[in-house]
C-alpha cells in the first residue's frame, strides 16, 4: 500500500468504479488514476480527495479512462 501526499500530482484519467467512498459526508464512485509517492503505478484515488471533486461527480477537465 502506498501514499499520495498533499501537493501537486499528475492524474491521468478518472473512472466510475461502481464502488462508493464517503469523505466529509459526501459519497462518490469516481476515482482518479495516478502514480503514488511510494512508486506504485496506476493507483486509484477517490476524486473526493482532489480539488474539484467535492461534489461527488467526475472532476471537470480530467478525461474519462
Protein backbone atom coordinates (compact mmCIF):
# COMPACT_ATOMS: atom_id res chain seq x y z
CA UNK A 1 0.00 0.00 0.00
CA UNK A 2 1.35 3.42 -0.91
CA UNK A 3 0.58 7.00 -0.12
CA UNK A 4 -0.36 10.08 -2.09
CA UNK A 5 0.73 13.10 -0.11
CA UNK A 6 -0.55 16.63 -0.31
CA UNK A 7 0.62 18.81 -3.15
CA UNK A 8 0.61 18.65 -6.93
CA UNK A 9 0.28 15.26 -8.62
CA UNK A 10 -0.37 14.15 -12.18
CA UNK A 11 -3.70 12.41 -12.68
CA UNK A 12 -4.15 10.55 -15.95
CA UNK A 13 -7.89 9.94 -16.08
CA UNK A 14 -10.95 9.11 -13.97
CA UNK A 15 -13.41 6.24 -13.90
CA UNK A 16 -16.66 5.23 -12.20
CA UNK A 17 -15.56 2.11 -10.30
CA UNK A 18 -19.11 1.25 -9.13
CA UNK A 19 -17.82 1.36 -5.54
CA UNK A 20 -18.73 4.27 -3.32
CA UNK A 21 -16.37 6.01 -0.92
CA UNK A 22 -17.60 8.58 1.58
CA UNK A 23 -15.49 11.50 2.75
CA UNK A 24 -16.74 14.59 4.57
CA UNK A 25 -20.33 13.39 4.32
CA UNK A 26 -20.25 13.10 0.50
CA UNK A 27 -20.19 9.78 -1.38
CA UNK A 28 -18.61 9.30 -4.81
CA UNK A 29 -18.00 6.37 -7.13
CA UNK A 30 -15.46 8.34 -9.19
CA UNK A 31 -11.74 7.57 -8.82
CA UNK A 32 -8.74 9.22 -10.49
CA UNK A 33 -5.72 7.23 -11.70
CA UNK A 34 -2.24 8.38 -10.66
CA UNK A 35 1.15 7.08 -9.53
CA UNK A 36 1.69 7.31 -5.78
CA UNK A 37 4.60 8.69 -3.76
CA UNK A 38 5.79 5.13 -2.99
CA UNK A 39 6.48 4.20 -6.62
CA UNK A 40 3.26 2.25 -7.26
CA UNK A 41 1.71 2.90 -10.67
CA UNK A 42 -1.92 3.01 -11.78
CA UNK A 43 -3.25 3.76 -8.30
CA UNK A 44 -6.88 4.87 -7.96
CA UNK A 45 -7.74 7.66 -5.53
CA UNK A 46 -11.28 8.88 -4.82
CA UNK A 47 -11.93 12.21 -6.53
CA UNK A 48 -13.31 13.43 -3.19
CA UNK A 49 -9.69 14.00 -2.17
CA UNK A 50 -8.99 16.21 -5.21
CA UNK A 51 -9.65 19.87 -5.75
CA UNK A 52 -12.77 19.98 -7.92
CA UNK A 53 -14.13 16.62 -6.77
CA UNK A 54 -16.04 17.79 -3.72
CA UNK A 55 -19.48 17.30 -5.30
CA UNK A 56 -19.07 13.55 -5.72
CA UNK A 57 -19.25 13.62 -9.51
CA UNK A 58 -16.46 13.48 -12.07
CA UNK A 59 -13.81 16.22 -12.00
CA UNK A 60 -14.25 18.71 -14.84
CA UNK A 61 -11.29 18.71 -17.23
CA UNK A 62 -9.97 15.25 -16.24
CA UNK A 63 -10.63 12.78 -19.04
CA UNK A 64 -12.58 9.55 -18.56
CA UNK A 65 -10.42 6.39 -18.64
